[in-house]
Amino acid sequence: MKLLIRNLDRETTVEDLKQHFEKHGLVQSCTIVMDNDTGKSKGFGFATMPKVGEANAAMKSLNGKKIDGQVIRVKKASNKPVVKKAPKQRHSNDPMHGMTLEKLLNKLVEEYGFEELGKHIKIKCFTSDPSLSSSLTFLRKTKWARKKLEVFYLEQLEQPVRSKSPKKNVWGKPKKKK
């Protein structure tokens, strides 16, 4: 039976803990959970005793007992599955991160208009009766056309603004230094 021991003094060692439990029977294993960063005890641990009767006796006797100046708590450990946390995701440096095709097209049409966009990217959906809806439908179905649009967008991020401030690109962000 696996027992959870809580409220341990931070200086209590595995050997100290094992000695207290061995008074009640055979101890298969004994561990104290350590902090990965500091290497110090987190104040709790586990003892595994193969005989249920001996484990129950240890639990009854040691629960509420003062060990190394701390009143410890002992109870049967629950078998919770270990769930690994997903690594924290950092913000991407990718300029396309979070950019949907619709956002991208809206920005480019707002900045250039369909006529000018059609001159830069020679795709019929920008030159022949263009609309946001028909262009989006075509671009979603045509991988090569979408790629051309994305490449053009990325190139424009590197260009200076066409309007007032020469220090910023078309999206109002500072121009990247090379």
N, C-alpha and C. Protein backbone atom coordinates (compact mmCIF):
# COMPACT_ATOMS: atom_id res chain seq x y z
N MET A 1 0.86 -1.17 0.00
CA MET A 1 0.00 0.00 0.00
C MET A 1 0.90 1.23 0.00
N LYS A 2 0.55 2.19 -0.85
CA LYS A 2 1.34 3.42 -0.94
C LYS A 2 0.70 4.48 -0.03
N LEU A 3 1.54 5.10 0.80
CA LEU A 3 1.07 6.12 1.74
C LEU A 3 1.64 7.48 1.38
N LEU A 4 0.80 8.49 1.51
CA LEU A 4 1.21 9.87 1.29
C LEU A 4 1.52 10.49 2.64
N ILE A 5 2.71 11.09 2.78
CA ILE A 5 3.10 11.73 4.03
C ILE A 5 3.25 13.22 3.74
N ARG A 6 2.46 14.04 4.43
CA ARG A 6 2.47 15.49 4.19
C ARG A 6 2.95 16.24 5.42
N ASN A 7 3.30 17.50 5.20
CA ASN A 7 3.74 18.41 6.25
C ASN A 7 5.07 17.99 6.88
N LEU A 8 5.95 17.43 6.04
CA LEU A 8 7.28 17.04 6.53
C LEU A 8 8.15 18.28 6.70
N ASP A 9 9.04 18.22 7.68
CA ASP A 9 10.04 19.27 7.84
C ASP A 9 10.95 19.21 6.61
N ARG A 10 11.38 20.35 6.12
CA ARG A 10 12.21 20.40 4.91
C ARG A 10 13.56 19.72 5.09
N GLU A 11 13.96 19.51 6.35
CA GLU A 11 15.25 18.88 6.64
C GLU A 11 15.12 17.37 6.86
N THR A 12 13.92 16.85 6.91
CA THR A 12 13.72 15.41 7.12
C THR A 12 14.28 14.65 5.92
N THR A 13 15.04 13.59 6.21
CA THR A 13 15.65 12.79 5.14
C THR A 13 14.83 11.53 4.89
N VAL A 14 15.11 10.89 3.78
CA VAL A 14 14.44 9.63 3.44
C VAL A 14 14.74 8.59 4.51
N GLU A 15 15.98 8.56 4.97
CA GLU A 15 16.37 7.60 6.00
C GLU A 15 15.58 7.81 7.29
N ASP A 16 15.42 9.09 7.71
CA ASP A 16 14.65 9.40 8.92
C ASP A 16 13.21 8.90 8.76
N LEU A 17 12.62 9.20 7.62
CA LEU A 17 11.24 8.83 7.35
C LEU A 17 11.08 7.31 7.34
N LYS A 18 12.01 6.64 6.68
CA LYS A 18 11.96 5.18 6.58
C LYS A 18 12.03 4.53 7.96
N GLN A 19 12.87 5.07 8.84
CA GLN A 19 13.00 4.52 10.20
C GLN A 19 11.67 4.55 10.95
N HIS A 20 10.93 5.65 10.81
CA HIS A 20 9.64 5.77 11.50
C HIS A 20 8.64 4.74 10.98
N PHE A 21 8.64 4.49 9.68
CA PHE A 21 7.69 3.55 9.11
C PHE A 21 8.12 2.09 9.34
N GLU A 22 9.41 1.82 9.40
CA GLU A 22 9.90 0.45 9.62
C GLU A 22 9.52 -0.08 11.01
N LYS A 23 9.19 0.80 11.93
CA LYS A 23 8.74 0.38 13.27
C LYS A 23 7.42 -0.38 13.19
N HIS A 24 6.72 -0.22 12.06
CA HIS A 24 5.39 -0.82 11.89
C HIS A 24 5.38 -1.96 10.88
N GLY A 25 6.53 -2.21 10.23
CA GLY A 25 6.58 -3.31 9.27
C GLY A 25 7.58 -3.05 8.16
N LEU A 26 7.56 -3.91 7.17
CA LEU A 26 8.48 -3.83 6.05
C LEU A 26 8.15 -2.63 5.16
N VAL A 27 9.17 -1.84 4.84
CA VAL A 27 9.00 -0.68 3.95
C VAL A 27 9.69 -1.03 2.63
N GLN A 28 8.89 -1.10 1.57
CA GLN A 28 9.40 -1.45 0.25
C GLN A 28 10.18 -0.29 -0.35
N SER A 29 9.62 0.91 -0.25
CA SER A 29 10.31 2.11 -0.74
C SER A 29 9.84 3.33 0.04
N CYS A 30 10.70 4.33 0.02
CA CYS A 30 10.40 5.57 0.72
C CYS A 30 11.02 6.71 -0.07
N THR A 31 10.25 7.74 -0.39
CA THR A 31 10.77 8.88 -1.16
C THR A 31 10.26 10.19 -0.58
N ILE A 32 11.05 11.21 -0.78
CA ILE A 32 10.64 12.58 -0.45
C ILE A 32 10.69 13.35 -1.75
N VAL A 33 9.63 14.07 -2.05
CA VAL A 33 9.55 14.82 -3.31
C VAL A 33 10.39 16.09 -3.19
N MET A 34 11.28 16.26 -4.16
CA MET A 34 12.21 17.39 -4.16
C MET A 34 11.83 18.40 -5.25
N ASP A 35 12.12 19.66 -4.98
CA ASP A 35 11.90 20.73 -5.94
C ASP A 35 13.00 20.64 -7.00
N ASN A 36 12.61 20.64 -8.27
CA ASN A 36 13.59 20.53 -9.36
C ASN A 36 14.54 21.72 -9.43
N ASP A 37 14.05 22.89 -9.10
CA ASP A 37 14.87 24.10 -9.20
C ASP A 37 15.85 24.24 -8.04
N THR A 38 15.36 24.02 -6.82
CA THR A 38 16.20 24.26 -5.64
C THR A 38 16.89 22.99 -5.13
N GLY A 39 16.34 21.83 -5.45
CA GLY A 39 16.90 20.58 -4.95
C GLY A 39 16.53 20.31 -3.50
N LYS A 40 15.64 21.12 -2.95
CA LYS A 40 15.21 20.95 -1.55
C LYS A 40 13.86 20.24 -1.49
N SER A 41 13.56 19.70 -0.32
CA SER A 41 12.31 18.98 -0.10
C SER A 41 11.11 19.91 -0.30
N LYS A 42 10.05 19.34 -0.88
CA LYS A 42 8.80 20.08 -1.02
C LYS A 42 7.90 19.90 0.20
N GLY A 43 8.35 19.06 1.16
CA GLY A 43 7.59 18.88 2.39
C GLY A 43 6.59 17.74 2.35
N PHE A 44 6.70 16.87 1.35
CA PHE A 44 5.85 15.69 1.34
C PHE A 44 6.59 14.54 0.67
N GLY A 45 6.11 13.33 0.92
CA GLY A 45 6.75 12.16 0.36
C GLY A 45 5.82 10.96 0.36
N PHE A 46 6.38 9.80 0.03
CA PHE A 46 5.61 8.57 -0.06
C PHE A 46 6.37 7.42 0.59
N ALA A 47 5.63 6.51 1.17
CA ALA A 47 6.19 5.26 1.70
C ALA A 47 5.33 4.13 1.15
N THR A 48 5.97 3.10 0.65
CA THR A 48 5.23 1.95 0.15
C THR A 48 5.51 0.76 1.06
N MET A 49 4.44 0.19 1.57
CA MET A 49 4.54 -0.97 2.45
C MET A 49 3.73 -2.10 1.81
N PRO A 50 4.36 -3.26 1.57
CA PRO A 50 3.67 -4.34 0.85
C PRO A 50 2.49 -4.96 1.60
N LYS A 51 2.51 -4.96 2.92
CA LYS A 51 1.42 -5.58 3.70
C LYS A 51 0.43 -4.50 4.13
N VAL A 52 -0.81 -4.67 3.71
CA VAL A 52 -1.86 -3.67 3.98
C VAL A 52 -2.06 -3.46 5.49
N GLY A 53 -2.05 -4.51 6.26
CA GLY A 53 -2.23 -4.40 7.71
C GLY A 53 -1.15 -3.56 8.36
N GLU A 54 0.10 -3.78 7.93
CA GLU A 54 1.22 -2.99 8.47
C GLU A 54 1.13 -1.53 8.03
N ALA A 55 0.71 -1.32 6.79
CA ALA A 55 0.55 0.05 6.28
C ALA A 55 -0.54 0.79 7.05
N ASN A 56 -1.66 0.10 7.31
CA ASN A 56 -2.75 0.72 8.08
C ASN A 56 -2.30 1.04 9.50
N ALA A 57 -1.50 0.16 10.10
CA ALA A 57 -0.98 0.40 11.46
C ALA A 57 -0.06 1.61 11.47
N ALA A 58 0.81 1.73 10.47
CA ALA A 58 1.73 2.87 10.37
C ALA A 58 0.94 4.16 10.17
N MET A 59 -0.08 4.09 9.32
CA MET A 59 -0.90 5.27 9.04
C MET A 59 -1.61 5.73 10.32
N LYS A 60 -2.19 4.79 11.04
CA LYS A 60 -2.92 5.12 12.27
C LYS A 60 -1.97 5.68 13.35
N SER A 61 -0.80 5.09 13.46
CA SER A 61 0.15 5.49 14.49
C SER A 61 0.85 6.81 14.19
N LEU A 62 1.22 7.03 12.92
CA LEU A 62 2.04 8.20 12.58
C LEU A 62 1.23 9.44 12.18
N ASN A 63 -0.02 9.27 11.79
CA ASN A 63 -0.83 10.42 11.41
C ASN A 63 -1.03 11.32 12.63
N GLY A 64 -0.61 12.55 12.54
CA GLY A 64 -0.73 13.50 13.65
C GLY A 64 0.45 13.49 14.59
N LYS A 65 1.46 12.65 14.31
CA LYS A 65 2.65 12.56 15.16
C LYS A 65 3.64 13.65 14.77
N LYS A 66 4.36 14.15 15.77
CA LYS A 66 5.37 15.18 15.55
C LYS A 66 6.69 14.52 15.16
N ILE A 67 7.20 14.83 13.98
CA ILE A 67 8.49 14.32 13.51
C ILE A 67 9.33 15.51 13.07
N ASP A 68 10.51 15.64 13.65
CA ASP A 68 11.41 16.76 13.36
C ASP A 68 10.72 18.12 13.52
N GLY A 69 9.87 18.22 14.55
CA GLY A 69 9.22 19.48 14.86
C GLY A 69 7.96 19.77 14.08
N GLN A 70 7.56 18.89 13.19
CA GLN A 70 6.36 19.09 12.38
C GLN A 70 5.36 17.98 12.66
N VAL A 71 4.07 18.35 12.77
CA VAL A 71 3.02 17.35 12.92
C VAL A 71 2.69 16.85 11.52
N ILE A 72 3.02 15.59 11.24
CA ILE A 72 2.82 15.06 9.88
C ILE A 72 1.42 14.50 9.71
N ARG A 73 1.01 14.39 8.47
CA ARG A 73 -0.27 13.78 8.12
C ARG A 73 0.02 12.60 7.21
N VAL A 74 -0.57 11.48 7.49
CA VAL A 74 -0.35 10.26 6.72
C VAL A 74 -1.69 9.73 6.25
N LYS A 75 -1.80 9.45 4.97
CA LYS A 75 -3.02 8.84 4.45
C LYS A 75 -2.67 7.98 3.24
N LYS A 76 -3.62 7.16 2.82
CA LYS A 76 -3.42 6.31 1.66
C LYS A 76 -3.31 7.20 0.43
N ALA A 77 -2.28 6.93 -0.36
CA ALA A 77 -2.07 7.73 -1.58
C ALA A 77 -3.07 7.28 -2.65
N SER A 78 -3.63 8.24 -3.36
CA SER A 78 -4.55 7.90 -4.45
C SER A 78 -3.74 7.67 -5.72
N ASN A 79 -4.24 6.82 -6.56
CA ASN A 79 -3.54 6.50 -7.81
C ASN A 79 -4.04 7.41 -8.93
N LYS A 80 -3.58 8.63 -8.91
CA LYS A 80 -3.95 9.57 -9.96
C LYS A 80 -3.00 9.39 -11.13
N PRO A 81 -3.53 9.43 -12.35
CA PRO A 81 -2.65 9.32 -13.50
C PRO A 81 -1.76 10.55 -13.61
N VAL A 82 -0.53 10.33 -14.03
CA VAL A 82 0.41 11.44 -14.20
C VAL A 82 0.07 12.16 -15.50
N VAL A 83 -0.23 13.44 -15.39
CA VAL A 83 -0.56 14.23 -16.56
C VAL A 83 0.59 15.19 -16.81
N LYS A 84 1.20 15.03 -17.97
CA LYS A 84 2.30 15.93 -18.31
C LYS A 84 1.72 17.20 -18.90
N LYS A 85 2.22 18.32 -18.42
CA LYS A 85 1.77 19.60 -18.94
C LYS A 85 2.43 19.87 -20.28
N ALA A 86 1.66 20.44 -21.16
CA ALA A 86 2.21 20.81 -22.46
C ALA A 86 3.19 21.96 -22.24
N PRO A 87 4.27 21.99 -22.99
CA PRO A 87 5.22 23.09 -22.82
C PRO A 87 4.56 24.42 -23.17
N LYS A 88 4.95 25.42 -22.42
CA LYS A 88 4.40 26.75 -22.69
C LYS A 88 4.84 27.20 -24.07
N GLN A 89 3.88 27.74 -24.80
CA GLN A 89 4.21 28.21 -26.14
C GLN A 89 4.57 29.67 -26.08
N ARG A 90 5.65 29.97 -26.71
CA ARG A 90 6.08 31.36 -26.77
C ARG A 90 5.49 32.01 -28.00
N HIS A 91 5.42 33.32 -27.96
CA HIS A 91 4.90 34.06 -29.11
C HIS A 91 5.82 33.84 -30.30
N SER A 92 5.22 33.56 -31.41
CA SER A 92 5.97 33.28 -32.62
C SER A 92 6.53 34.56 -33.23
N ASN A 93 7.73 34.48 -33.78
CA ASN A 93 8.31 35.61 -34.51
C ASN A 93 7.87 35.59 -35.97
N ASP A 94 7.09 34.60 -36.34
CA ASP A 94 6.60 34.46 -37.70
C ASP A 94 5.58 35.57 -37.98
N PRO A 95 5.83 36.43 -38.98
CA PRO A 95 4.88 37.51 -39.27
C PRO A 95 3.52 36.99 -39.76
N MET A 96 3.47 35.72 -40.17
CA MET A 96 2.20 35.15 -40.63
C MET A 96 1.43 34.50 -39.47
N HIS A 97 2.03 34.47 -38.27
CA HIS A 97 1.39 33.86 -37.11
C HIS A 97 0.07 34.56 -36.81
N GLY A 98 -1.02 33.80 -36.80
CA GLY A 98 -2.33 34.36 -36.48
C GLY A 98 -2.99 35.11 -37.63
N MET A 99 -2.35 35.13 -38.77
CA MET A 99 -2.87 35.88 -39.92
C MET A 99 -3.73 34.94 -40.77
N THR A 100 -5.02 35.21 -40.82
CA THR A 100 -5.90 34.41 -41.67
C THR A 100 -5.83 34.96 -43.08
N LEU A 101 -6.26 34.15 -44.03
CA LEU A 101 -6.27 34.60 -45.42
C LEU A 101 -7.17 35.82 -45.59
N GLU A 102 -8.28 35.81 -44.88
CA GLU A 102 -9.22 36.94 -44.98
C GLU A 102 -8.59 38.23 -44.45
N LYS A 103 -7.92 38.17 -43.30
CA LYS A 103 -7.24 39.36 -42.75
C LYS A 103 -6.18 39.87 -43.72
N LEU A 104 -5.41 38.93 -44.25
CA LEU A 104 -4.33 39.28 -45.16
C LEU A 104 -4.87 39.98 -46.39
N LEU A 105 -5.90 39.40 -47.00
CA LEU A 105 -6.48 39.99 -48.21
C LEU A 105 -7.10 41.35 -47.90
N ASN A 106 -7.80 41.46 -46.79
CA ASN A 106 -8.41 42.75 -46.41
C ASN A 106 -7.35 43.84 -46.26
N LYS A 107 -6.22 43.51 -45.60
CA LYS A 107 -5.15 44.49 -45.43
C LYS A 107 -4.59 44.95 -46.77
N LEU A 108 -4.33 43.98 -47.64
CA LEU A 108 -3.74 44.31 -48.94
C LEU A 108 -4.71 45.11 -49.81
N VAL A 109 -5.98 44.74 -49.82
CA VAL A 109 -6.98 45.46 -50.61
C VAL A 109 -7.16 46.87 -50.05
N GLU A 110 -7.15 47.00 -48.74
CA GLU A 110 -7.28 48.32 -48.11
C GLU A 110 -6.11 49.23 -48.48
N GLU A 111 -4.92 48.66 -48.52
CA GLU A 111 -3.71 49.42 -48.82
C GLU A 111 -3.56 49.73 -50.30
N TYR A 112 -3.82 48.72 -51.15
CA TYR A 112 -3.54 48.86 -52.58
C TYR A 112 -4.78 48.96 -53.45
N GLY A 113 -5.87 48.35 -53.05
CA GLY A 113 -7.03 48.24 -53.92
C GLY A 113 -6.82 47.09 -54.89
N PHE A 114 -7.91 46.59 -55.49
CA PHE A 114 -7.79 45.43 -56.37
C PHE A 114 -6.99 45.73 -57.64
N GLU A 115 -7.16 46.93 -58.19
CA GLU A 115 -6.47 47.26 -59.44
C GLU A 115 -4.95 47.23 -59.25
N GLU A 116 -4.47 47.90 -58.21
CA GLU A 116 -3.04 47.93 -57.93
C GLU A 116 -2.53 46.54 -57.53
N LEU A 117 -3.32 45.83 -56.75
CA LEU A 117 -2.95 44.48 -56.32
C LEU A 117 -2.81 43.56 -57.54
N GLY A 118 -3.70 43.73 -58.52
CA GLY A 118 -3.65 42.94 -59.75
C GLY A 118 -2.40 43.21 -60.56
N LYS A 119 -1.84 44.42 -60.45
CA LYS A 119 -0.59 44.75 -61.16
C LYS A 119 0.61 44.06 -60.50
N HIS A 120 0.57 43.95 -59.18
CA HIS A 120 1.67 43.34 -58.44
C HIS A 120 1.60 41.81 -58.46
N ILE A 121 0.37 41.29 -58.35
CA ILE A 121 0.17 39.85 -58.34
C ILE A 121 -0.77 39.53 -59.50
N LYS A 122 -0.24 38.99 -60.54
CA LYS A 122 -1.03 38.76 -61.75
C LYS A 122 -1.89 37.50 -61.61
N ILE A 123 -3.03 37.72 -60.94
CA ILE A 123 -4.02 36.66 -60.74
C ILE A 123 -5.37 37.25 -61.17
N LYS A 124 -6.12 36.48 -61.97
CA LYS A 124 -7.38 36.97 -62.52
C LYS A 124 -8.39 37.43 -61.47
N CYS A 125 -8.37 36.81 -60.29
CA CYS A 125 -9.36 37.18 -59.27
C CYS A 125 -9.18 38.62 -58.78
N PHE A 126 -8.01 39.24 -59.09
CA PHE A 126 -7.78 40.64 -58.72
C PHE A 126 -8.03 41.58 -59.89
N THR A 127 -8.10 41.06 -61.10
CA THR A 127 -8.22 41.93 -62.27
C THR A 127 -9.56 41.82 -62.98
N SER A 128 -10.20 40.69 -62.96
CA SER A 128 -11.45 40.49 -63.68
C SER A 128 -12.63 40.45 -62.71
N ASP A 129 -13.36 41.56 -62.62
CA ASP A 129 -14.53 41.68 -61.74
C ASP A 129 -14.22 41.21 -60.31
N PRO A 130 -13.23 41.85 -59.65
CA PRO A 130 -12.79 41.37 -58.34
C PRO A 130 -13.76 41.71 -57.20
N SER A 131 -13.81 40.83 -56.23
CA SER A 131 -14.53 41.08 -54.98
C SER A 131 -13.82 40.28 -53.90
N LEU A 132 -14.01 40.70 -52.65
CA LEU A 132 -13.37 39.98 -51.55
C LEU A 132 -13.84 38.53 -51.50
N SER A 133 -15.15 38.33 -51.67
CA SER A 133 -15.72 37.00 -51.59
C SER A 133 -15.17 36.07 -52.67
N SER A 134 -15.20 36.51 -53.92
CA SER A 134 -14.71 35.65 -55.01
C SER A 134 -13.20 35.42 -54.91
N SER A 135 -12.46 36.45 -54.49
CA SER A 135 -11.01 36.31 -54.35
C SER A 135 -10.68 35.31 -53.24
N LEU A 136 -11.39 35.41 -52.11
CA LEU A 136 -11.15 34.48 -51.01
C LEU A 136 -11.47 33.04 -51.43
N THR A 137 -12.57 32.86 -52.15
CA THR A 137 -12.94 31.52 -52.61
C THR A 137 -11.84 30.95 -53.50
N PHE A 138 -11.35 31.75 -54.44
CA PHE A 138 -10.30 31.29 -55.35
C PHE A 138 -9.01 30.99 -54.60
N LEU A 139 -8.60 31.91 -53.72
CA LEU A 139 -7.35 31.75 -52.99
C LEU A 139 -7.38 30.54 -52.04
N ARG A 140 -8.54 30.25 -51.47
CA ARG A 140 -8.66 29.10 -50.58
C ARG A 140 -8.52 27.78 -51.34
N LYS A 141 -8.92 27.78 -52.60
CA LYS A 141 -8.88 26.57 -53.41
C LYS A 141 -7.57 26.42 -54.19
N THR A 142 -6.82 27.52 -54.35
CA THR A 142 -5.65 27.51 -55.22
C THR A 142 -4.39 27.82 -54.41
N LYS A 143 -3.64 26.78 -54.12
CA LYS A 143 -2.47 26.90 -53.24
C LYS A 143 -1.41 27.84 -53.82
N TRP A 144 -1.11 27.74 -55.11
CA TRP A 144 -0.07 28.58 -55.71
C TRP A 144 -0.44 30.05 -55.66
N ALA A 145 -1.73 30.35 -55.82
CA ALA A 145 -2.18 31.75 -55.79
C ALA A 145 -2.08 32.31 -54.37
N ARG A 146 -2.45 31.51 -53.41
CA ARG A 146 -2.35 31.93 -52.01
C ARG A 146 -0.89 32.19 -51.66
N LYS A 147 0.00 31.33 -52.13
CA LYS A 147 1.44 31.48 -51.85
C LYS A 147 1.94 32.81 -52.43
N LYS A 148 1.51 33.14 -53.64
CA LYS A 148 1.92 34.42 -54.25
C LYS A 148 1.46 35.60 -53.39
N LEU A 149 0.24 35.52 -52.89
CA LEU A 149 -0.31 36.59 -52.05
C LEU A 149 0.50 36.71 -50.75
N GLU A 150 0.82 35.58 -50.13
CA GLU A 150 1.59 35.59 -48.88
C GLU A 150 2.99 36.13 -49.09
N VAL A 151 3.62 35.75 -50.18
CA VAL A 151 4.97 36.25 -50.49
C VAL A 151 4.93 37.76 -50.70
N PHE A 152 3.93 38.24 -51.43
CA PHE A 152 3.78 39.68 -51.65
C PHE A 152 3.59 40.41 -50.31
N TYR A 153 2.75 39.86 -49.46
CA TYR A 153 2.50 40.46 -48.14
C TYR A 153 3.80 40.56 -47.34
N LEU A 154 4.55 39.46 -47.31
CA LEU A 154 5.81 39.45 -46.56
C LEU A 154 6.82 40.44 -47.14
N GLU A 155 6.85 40.58 -48.45
CA GLU A 155 7.74 41.57 -49.09
C GLU A 155 7.34 42.98 -48.68
N GLN A 156 6.05 43.22 -48.54
CA GLN A 156 5.56 44.56 -48.19
C GLN A 156 5.89 44.92 -46.74
N LEU A 157 6.03 43.91 -45.90
CA LEU A 157 6.42 44.17 -44.51
C LEU A 157 7.81 44.78 -44.44
N GLU A 158 8.64 44.47 -45.42
CA GLU A 158 10.02 44.97 -45.46
C GLU A 158 10.11 46.35 -46.13
N GLN A 159 9.07 46.76 -46.83
CA GLN A 159 9.09 48.02 -47.58
C GLN A 159 8.72 49.21 -46.69
N PRO A 160 9.27 50.39 -47.00
CA PRO A 160 8.84 51.58 -46.25
C PRO A 160 7.39 51.94 -46.59
N VAL A 161 6.76 52.68 -45.71
CA VAL A 161 5.38 53.10 -45.90
C VAL A 161 5.28 53.99 -47.13
N ARG A 162 4.18 53.82 -47.86
CA ARG A 162 3.98 54.63 -49.06
C ARG A 162 3.42 56.00 -48.71
N SER A 163 2.99 56.16 -47.47
CA SER A 163 2.39 57.44 -47.10
C SER A 163 3.37 58.33 -46.36
N LYS A 164 2.97 58.92 -45.25
CA LYS A 164 3.69 59.98 -44.56
C LYS A 164 5.05 59.59 -43.97
N SER A 165 5.12 58.58 -43.13
CA SER A 165 6.34 58.27 -42.39
C SER A 165 7.23 57.27 -43.13
N PRO A 166 8.42 57.72 -43.58
CA PRO A 166 9.29 56.80 -44.30
C PRO A 166 9.96 55.77 -43.38
N LYS A 167 9.81 55.92 -42.06
CA LYS A 167 10.47 55.01 -41.13
C LYS A 167 9.62 53.77 -40.82
N LYS A 168 8.40 53.71 -41.34
CA LYS A 168 7.53 52.59 -41.06
C LYS A 168 7.10 51.92 -42.35
N ASN A 169 6.70 50.63 -42.26
CA ASN A 169 6.25 49.92 -43.44
C ASN A 169 4.76 50.16 -43.65
N VAL A 170 4.18 49.50 -44.64
CA VAL A 170 2.78 49.74 -44.98
C VAL A 170 1.80 49.38 -43.87
N TRP A 171 2.23 48.63 -42.87
CA TRP A 171 1.33 48.23 -41.80
C TRP A 171 1.49 49.10 -40.56
N GLY A 172 2.30 50.16 -40.66
CA GLY A 172 2.48 51.07 -39.54
C GLY A 172 3.46 50.57 -38.51
N LYS A 173 4.23 49.54 -38.86
CA LYS A 173 5.23 49.00 -37.94
C LYS A 173 6.60 49.48 -38.37
N PRO A 174 7.53 49.63 -37.40
CA PRO A 174 8.88 50.07 -37.76
C PRO A 174 9.52 49.10 -38.77
N LYS A 175 10.24 49.66 -39.73
CA LYS A 175 10.93 48.86 -40.73
C LYS A 175 12.03 48.05 -40.05
N LYS A 176 12.13 46.76 -40.43
CA LYS A 176 13.16 45.90 -39.85
C LYS A 176 14.54 46.33 -40.36
N LYS A 177 15.52 46.31 -39.44
CA LYS A 177 16.89 46.63 -39.83
C LYS A 177 17.54 45.41 -40.43
N LYS A 178 18.36 45.62 -41.44
CA LYS A 178 19.04 44.50 -42.11
C LYS A 178 20.47 44.41 -41.67
